């Protein structure tokens, strides 16, 4: 066992990286245990950063009157 960055996993039996269109450590997601009945899609989750997009006016709390 070793530390691994935050991630989400999806059960994907028999899926391969080729099916996903991914190469391990070169894409945003990859398959662990590919081609087996226990395969998992691993999607790393980075720290949230502000995208710079403002919420629509009807969702901004400062616009409530």
PDB file of N, CA and C in Angstrom:
ATOM      1  N   UNK A   1       0.837  -1.177   0.000  1.00  0.00           N
ATOM      2  CA  UNK A   1       0.000   0.000   0.000  1.00  0.00           C
ATOM      3  C   UNK A   1       0.880   1.237   0.000  1.00  0.00           C
ATOM      4  N   UNK A   2       0.384   2.269  -0.665  1.00  0.00           N
ATOM      5  CA  UNK A   2       1.103   3.534  -0.743  1.00  0.00           C
ATOM      6  C   UNK A   2       0.081   4.665  -0.822  1.00  0.00           C
ATOM      7  N   UNK A   3       0.466   5.860  -0.378  1.00  0.00           N
ATOM      8  CA  UNK A   3      -0.448   7.003  -0.492  1.00  0.00           C
ATOM      9  C   UNK A   3      -0.793   7.273  -1.957  1.00  0.00           C
ATOM     10  N   UNK A   4      -2.013   7.696  -2.196  1.00  0.00           N
ATOM     11  CA  UNK A   4      -2.451   8.051  -3.552  1.00  0.00           C
ATOM     12  C   UNK A   4      -3.269   9.320  -3.431  1.00  0.00           C
ATOM     13  N   UNK A   5      -3.127  10.245  -4.370  1.00  0.00           N
ATOM     14  CA  UNK A   5      -3.872  11.517  -4.293  1.00  0.00           C
ATOM     15  C   UNK A   5      -5.390  11.275  -4.261  1.00  0.00           C
ATOM     16  N   UNK A   6      -6.158  12.282  -3.842  1.00  0.00           N
ATOM     17  CA  UNK A   6      -7.623  12.145  -3.827  1.00  0.00           C
ATOM     18  C   UNK A   6      -8.145  11.721  -5.199  1.00  0.00           C
ATOM     19  N   UNK A   7      -9.150  10.837  -5.193  1.00  0.00           N
ATOM     20  CA  UNK A   7      -9.684  10.318  -6.445  1.00  0.00           C
ATOM     21  C   UNK A   7     -11.068   9.722  -6.220  1.00  0.00           C
ATOM     22  N   UNK A   8     -11.783   9.503  -7.313  1.00  0.00           N
ATOM     23  CA  UNK A   8     -13.032   8.747  -7.276  1.00  0.00           C
ATOM     24  C   UNK A   8     -12.831   7.524  -8.158  1.00  0.00           C
ATOM     25  N   UNK A   9     -13.570   6.460  -7.840  1.00  0.00           N
ATOM     26  CA  UNK A   9     -13.439   5.218  -8.590  1.00  0.00           C
ATOM     27  C   UNK A   9     -14.820   4.765  -9.054  1.00  0.00           C
ATOM     28  N   UNK A  10     -14.857   4.186 -10.240  1.00  0.00           N
ATOM     29  CA  UNK A  10     -16.086   3.641 -10.799  1.00  0.00           C
ATOM     30  C   UNK A  10     -15.836   2.194 -11.180  1.00  0.00           C
ATOM     31  N   UNK A  11     -16.696   1.322 -10.746  1.00  0.00           N
ATOM     32  CA  UNK A  11     -16.593  -0.095 -11.084  1.00  0.00           C
ATOM     33  C   UNK A  11     -16.832  -0.248 -12.585  1.00  0.00           C
ATOM     34  N   UNK A  12     -15.916  -0.928 -13.279  1.00  0.00           N
ATOM     35  CA  UNK A  12     -15.992  -1.059 -14.734  1.00  0.00           C
ATOM     36  C   UNK A  12     -15.447  -2.419 -15.170  1.00  0.00           C
ATOM     37  N   UNK A  13     -16.176  -3.497 -14.886  1.00  0.00           N
ATOM     38  CA  UNK A  13     -15.652  -4.833 -15.180  1.00  0.00           C
ATOM     39  C   UNK A  13     -15.222  -4.989 -16.632  1.00  0.00           C
ATOM     40  N   UNK A  14     -14.027  -5.547 -16.804  1.00  0.00           N
ATOM     41  CA  UNK A  14     -13.426  -5.893 -18.096  1.00  0.00           C
ATOM     42  C   UNK A  14     -13.049  -4.687 -18.959  1.00  0.00           C
ATOM     43  N   UNK A  15     -13.195  -3.486 -18.472  1.00  0.00           N
ATOM     44  CA  UNK A  15     -12.806  -2.303 -19.234  1.00  0.00           C
ATOM     45  C   UNK A  15     -11.282  -2.222 -19.303  1.00  0.00           C
ATOM     46  N   UNK A  16     -10.759  -1.692 -20.385  1.00  0.00           N
ATOM     47  CA  UNK A  16      -9.313  -1.479 -20.527  1.00  0.00           C
ATOM     48  C   UNK A  16      -9.048   0.002 -20.750  1.00  0.00           C
ATOM     49  N   UNK A  17      -7.801   0.406 -20.599  1.00  0.00           N
ATOM     50  CA  UNK A  17      -7.425   1.794 -20.873  1.00  0.00           C
ATOM     51  C   UNK A  17      -7.704   2.140 -22.324  1.00  0.00           C
ATOM     52  N   UNK A  18      -7.503   1.179 -23.240  1.00  0.00           N
ATOM     53  CA  UNK A  18      -7.793   1.421 -24.656  1.00  0.00           C
ATOM     54  C   UNK A  18      -9.282   1.716 -24.859  1.00  0.00           C
ATOM     55  N   UNK A  19     -10.156   0.998 -24.147  1.00  0.00           N
ATOM     56  CA  UNK A  19     -11.599   1.255 -24.239  1.00  0.00           C
ATOM     57  C   UNK A  19     -11.924   2.672 -23.790  1.00  0.00           C
ATOM     58  N   UNK A  20     -11.214   3.124 -22.784  1.00  0.00           N
ATOM     59  CA  UNK A  20     -11.441   4.449 -22.221  1.00  0.00           C
ATOM     60  C   UNK A  20     -10.749   5.535 -23.047  1.00  0.00           C
ATOM     61  N   UNK A  21      -9.824   5.120 -23.899  1.00  0.00           N
ATOM     62  CA  UNK A  21      -9.058   6.084 -24.682  1.00  0.00           C
ATOM     63  C   UNK A  21      -8.000   6.761 -23.846  1.00  0.00           C
ATOM     64  N   UNK A  22      -7.498   6.056 -22.850  1.00  0.00           N
ATOM     65  CA  UNK A  22      -6.543   6.624 -21.904  1.00  0.00           C
ATOM     66  C   UNK A  22      -5.263   5.811 -21.866  1.00  0.00           C
ATOM     67  N   UNK A  23      -4.186   6.480 -21.521  1.00  0.00           N
ATOM     68  CA  UNK A  23      -2.909   5.835 -21.261  1.00  0.00           C
ATOM     69  C   UNK A  23      -2.585   6.135 -19.807  1.00  0.00           C
ATOM     70  N   UNK A  24      -2.239   5.119 -19.026  1.00  0.00           N
ATOM     71  CA  UNK A  24      -1.977   5.301 -17.600  1.00  0.00           C
ATOM     72  C   UNK A  24      -0.977   6.435 -17.382  1.00  0.00           C
ATOM     73  N   UNK A  25      -1.286   7.310 -16.441  1.00  0.00           N
ATOM     74  CA  UNK A  25      -0.469   8.462 -16.045  1.00  0.00           C
ATOM     75  C   UNK A  25      -0.339   9.524 -17.138  1.00  0.00           C
ATOM     76  N   UNK A  26      -1.152   9.468 -18.182  1.00  0.00           N
ATOM     77  CA  UNK A  26      -1.079  10.494 -19.222  1.00  0.00           C
ATOM     78  C   UNK A  26      -2.432  11.125 -19.522  1.00  0.00           C
ATOM     79  N   UNK A  27      -3.450  10.732 -18.817  1.00  0.00           N
ATOM     80  CA  UNK A  27      -4.770  11.287 -19.068  1.00  0.00           C
ATOM     81  C   UNK A  27      -5.459  11.630 -17.769  1.00  0.00           C
ATOM     82  N   UNK A  28      -6.635  12.211 -17.872  1.00  0.00           N
ATOM     83  CA  UNK A  28      -7.356  12.589 -16.658  1.00  0.00           C
ATOM     84  C   UNK A  28      -7.936  11.396 -15.908  1.00  0.00           C
ATOM     85  N   UNK A  29      -8.049  10.251 -16.571  1.00  0.00           N
ATOM     86  CA  UNK A  29      -8.588   9.043 -15.929  1.00  0.00           C
ATOM     87  C   UNK A  29      -7.867   7.828 -16.504  1.00  0.00           C
ATOM     88  N   UNK A  30      -7.867   6.744 -15.728  1.00  0.00           N
ATOM     89  CA  UNK A  30      -7.265   5.505 -16.214  1.00  0.00           C
ATOM     90  C   UNK A  30      -7.953   4.323 -15.561  1.00  0.00           C
ATOM     91  N   UNK A  31      -7.711   3.136 -16.097  1.00  0.00           N
ATOM     92  CA  UNK A  31      -8.329   1.922 -15.580  1.00  0.00           C
ATOM     93  C   UNK A  31      -7.302   1.139 -14.781  1.00  0.00           C
ATOM     94  N   UNK A  32      -7.643   0.815 -13.546  1.00  0.00           N
ATOM     95  CA  UNK A  32      -6.808  -0.042 -12.700  1.00  0.00           C
ATOM     96  C   UNK A  32      -7.358  -1.456 -12.806  1.00  0.00           C
ATOM     97  N   UNK A  33      -6.481  -2.429 -12.928  1.00  0.00           N
ATOM     98  CA  UNK A  33      -6.922  -3.815 -13.064  1.00  0.00           C
ATOM     99  C   UNK A  33      -7.610  -4.049 -14.388  1.00  0.00           C
ATOM    100  N   UNK A  34      -7.139  -3.344 -15.416  1.00  0.00           N
ATOM    101  CA  UNK A  34      -7.836  -3.395 -16.704  1.00  0.00           C
ATOM    102  C   UNK A  34      -7.993  -4.813 -17.241  1.00  0.00           C
ATOM    103  N   UNK A  35      -9.144  -5.039 -17.864  1.00  0.00           N
ATOM    104  CA  UNK A  35      -9.448  -6.315 -18.467  1.00  0.00           C
ATOM    105  C   UNK A  35      -9.892  -7.395 -17.500  1.00  0.00           C
ATOM    106  N   UNK A  36      -9.969  -7.075 -16.216  1.00  0.00           N
ATOM    107  CA  UNK A  36     -10.373  -8.072 -15.217  1.00  0.00           C
ATOM    108  C   UNK A  36     -11.806  -7.789 -14.764  1.00  0.00           C
ATOM    109  N   UNK A  37     -12.426  -8.749 -14.093  1.00  0.00           N
ATOM    110  CA  UNK A  37     -13.771  -8.483 -13.581  1.00  0.00           C
ATOM    111  C   UNK A  37     -13.791  -7.455 -12.454  1.00  0.00           C
ATOM    112  N   UNK A  38     -12.617  -7.069 -11.960  1.00  0.00           N
ATOM    113  CA  UNK A  38     -12.530  -6.107 -10.850  1.00  0.00           C
ATOM    114  C   UNK A  38     -11.966  -4.753 -11.294  1.00  0.00           C
ATOM    115  N   UNK A  39     -11.992  -4.470 -12.583  1.00  0.00           N
ATOM    116  CA  UNK A  39     -11.435  -3.223 -13.109  1.00  0.00           C
ATOM    117  C   UNK A  39     -12.172  -2.011 -12.542  1.00  0.00           C
ATOM    118  N   UNK A  40     -11.411  -0.930 -12.326  1.00  0.00           N
ATOM    119  CA  UNK A  40     -11.945   0.323 -11.803  1.00  0.00           C
ATOM    120  C   UNK A  40     -11.447   1.484 -12.641  1.00  0.00           C
ATOM    121  N   UNK A  41     -12.318   2.421 -12.946  1.00  0.00           N
ATOM    122  CA  UNK A  41     -11.888   3.680 -13.558  1.00  0.00           C
ATOM    123  C   UNK A  41     -11.473   4.583 -12.404  1.00  0.00           C
ATOM    124  N   UNK A  42     -10.259   5.103 -12.460  1.00  0.00           N
ATOM    125  CA  UNK A  42      -9.737   6.007 -11.431  1.00  0.00           C
ATOM    126  C   UNK A  42      -9.707   7.415 -12.024  1.00  0.00           C
ATOM    127  N   UNK A  43     -10.355   8.344 -11.337  1.00  0.00           N
ATOM    128  CA  UNK A  43     -10.377   9.739 -11.776  1.00  0.00           C
ATOM    129  C   UNK A  43      -9.784  10.578 -10.656  1.00  0.00           C
ATOM    130  N   UNK A  44      -8.546  11.071 -10.832  1.00  0.00           N
ATOM    131  CA  UNK A  44      -7.950  11.935  -9.806  1.00  0.00           C
ATOM    132  C   UNK A  44      -8.778  13.207  -9.626  1.00  0.00           C
ATOM    133  N   UNK A  45      -8.845  13.682  -8.393  1.00  0.00           N
ATOM    134  CA  UNK A  45      -9.591  14.889  -8.068  1.00  0.00           C
ATOM    135  C   UNK A  45      -8.615  15.877  -7.465  1.00  0.00           C
ATOM    136  N   UNK A  46      -8.365  16.976  -8.157  1.00  0.00           N
ATOM    137  CA  UNK A  46      -7.441  17.981  -7.659  1.00  0.00           C
ATOM    138  C   UNK A  46      -8.134  18.959  -6.738  1.00  0.00           C
ATOM    139  N   UNK A  47      -7.354  19.832  -6.174  1.00  0.00           N
ATOM    140  CA  UNK A  47      -7.900  20.880  -5.316  1.00  0.00           C
ATOM    141  C   UNK A  47      -8.775  21.796  -6.153  1.00  0.00           C
ATOM    142  N   UNK A  48      -9.857  22.254  -5.574  1.00  0.00           N
ATOM    143  CA  UNK A  48     -10.770  23.156  -6.281  1.00  0.00           C
ATOM    144  C   UNK A  48     -10.108  24.514  -6.466  1.00  0.00           C
ATOM    145  N   UNK A  49     -10.183  25.013  -7.663  1.00  0.00           N
ATOM    146  CA  UNK A  49      -9.704  26.368  -7.930  1.00  0.00           C
ATOM    147  C   UNK A  49     -10.860  27.164  -8.504  1.00  0.00           C
ATOM    148  N   UNK A  50     -10.890  28.434  -8.210  1.00  0.00           N
ATOM    149  CA  UNK A  50     -11.935  29.292  -8.739  1.00  0.00           C
ATOM    150  C   UNK A  50     -11.751  29.414 -10.237  1.00  0.00           C
ATOM    151  N   UNK A  51     -12.784  29.097 -10.997  1.00  0.00           N
ATOM    152  CA  UNK A  51     -12.692  29.133 -12.450  1.00  0.00           C
ATOM    153  C   UNK A  51     -12.779  30.555 -12.985  1.00  0.00           C
ATOM    154  N   UNK A  52     -13.126  31.506 -12.126  1.00  0.00           N
ATOM    155  CA  UNK A  52     -13.252  32.881 -12.573  1.00  0.00           C
ATOM    156  C   UNK A  52     -14.623  33.185 -13.144  1.00  0.00           C
ATOM    157  N   UNK A  53     -15.499  32.176 -13.213  1.00  0.00           N
ATOM    158  CA  UNK A  53     -16.837  32.392 -13.731  1.00  0.00           C
ATOM    159  C   UNK A  53     -17.739  32.881 -12.609  1.00  0.00           C
ATOM    160  N   UNK A  54     -18.457  33.922 -12.877  1.00  0.00           N
ATOM    161  CA  UNK A  54     -19.386  34.458 -11.890  1.00  0.00           C
ATOM    162  C   UNK A  54     -20.712  33.715 -11.978  1.00  0.00           C
ATOM    163  N   UNK A  55     -21.393  33.611 -10.856  1.00  0.00           N
ATOM    164  CA  UNK A  55     -22.710  32.988 -10.845  1.00  0.00           C
ATOM    165  C   UNK A  55     -23.689  33.894 -11.574  1.00  0.00           C
ATOM    166  N   UNK A  56     -24.715  33.314 -12.198  1.00  0.00           N
ATOM    167  CA  UNK A  56     -25.737  34.155 -12.830  1.00  0.00           C
ATOM    168  C   UNK A  56     -26.338  35.113 -11.812  1.00  0.00           C
ATOM    169  N   UNK A  57     -26.800  36.253 -12.269  1.00  0.00           N
ATOM    170  CA  UNK A  57     -27.302  37.299 -11.378  1.00  0.00           C
ATOM    171  C   UNK A  57     -28.372  36.794 -10.427  1.00  0.00           C
ATOM    172  N   UNK A  58     -29.229  35.876 -10.887  1.00  0.00           N
ATOM    173  CA  UNK A  58     -30.298  35.411 -10.015  1.00  0.00           C
ATOM    174  C   UNK A  58     -29.797  34.461  -8.928  1.00  0.00           C
ATOM    175  N   UNK A  59     -28.534  34.052  -8.978  1.00  0.00           N
ATOM    176  CA  UNK A  59     -27.963  33.158  -7.958  1.00  0.00           C
ATOM    177  C   UNK A  59     -27.044  33.890  -6.992  1.00  0.00           C
ATOM    178  N   UNK A  60     -26.749  35.164  -7.248  1.00  0.00           N
ATOM    179  CA  UNK A  60     -25.832  35.916  -6.379  1.00  0.00           C
ATOM    180  C   UNK A  60     -26.588  36.430  -5.169  1.00  0.00           C
ATOM    181  N   UNK A  61     -26.022  36.171  -3.993  1.00  0.00           N
ATOM    182  CA  UNK A  61     -26.698  36.609  -2.767  1.00  0.00           C
ATOM    183  C   UNK A  61     -26.710  38.123  -2.636  1.00  0.00           C
ATOM    184  N   UNK A  62     -25.712  38.813  -3.227  1.00  0.00           N
ATOM    185  CA  UNK A  62     -25.673  40.280  -3.103  1.00  0.00           C
ATOM    186  C   UNK A  62     -26.711  40.950  -4.002  1.00  0.00           C
ATOM    187  N   UNK A  63     -27.330  40.204  -4.910  1.00  0.00           N
ATOM    188  CA  UNK A  63     -28.341  40.769  -5.782  1.00  0.00           C
ATOM    189  C   UNK A  63     -29.758  40.592  -5.216  1.00  0.00           C
ATOM    190  N   UNK A  64     -29.842  39.858  -4.096  1.00  0.00           N
ATOM    191  CA  UNK A  64     -31.167  39.660  -3.514  1.00  0.00           C
ATOM    192  C   UNK A  64     -31.630  40.952  -2.855  1.00  0.00           C
ATOM    193  N   UNK A  65     -32.841  41.325  -3.115  1.00  0.00           N
ATOM    194  CA  UNK A  65     -33.329  42.595  -2.559  1.00  0.00           C
ATOM    195  C   UNK A  65     -34.533  42.394  -1.730  1.00  0.00           C
TER     196      UNK A  65
END
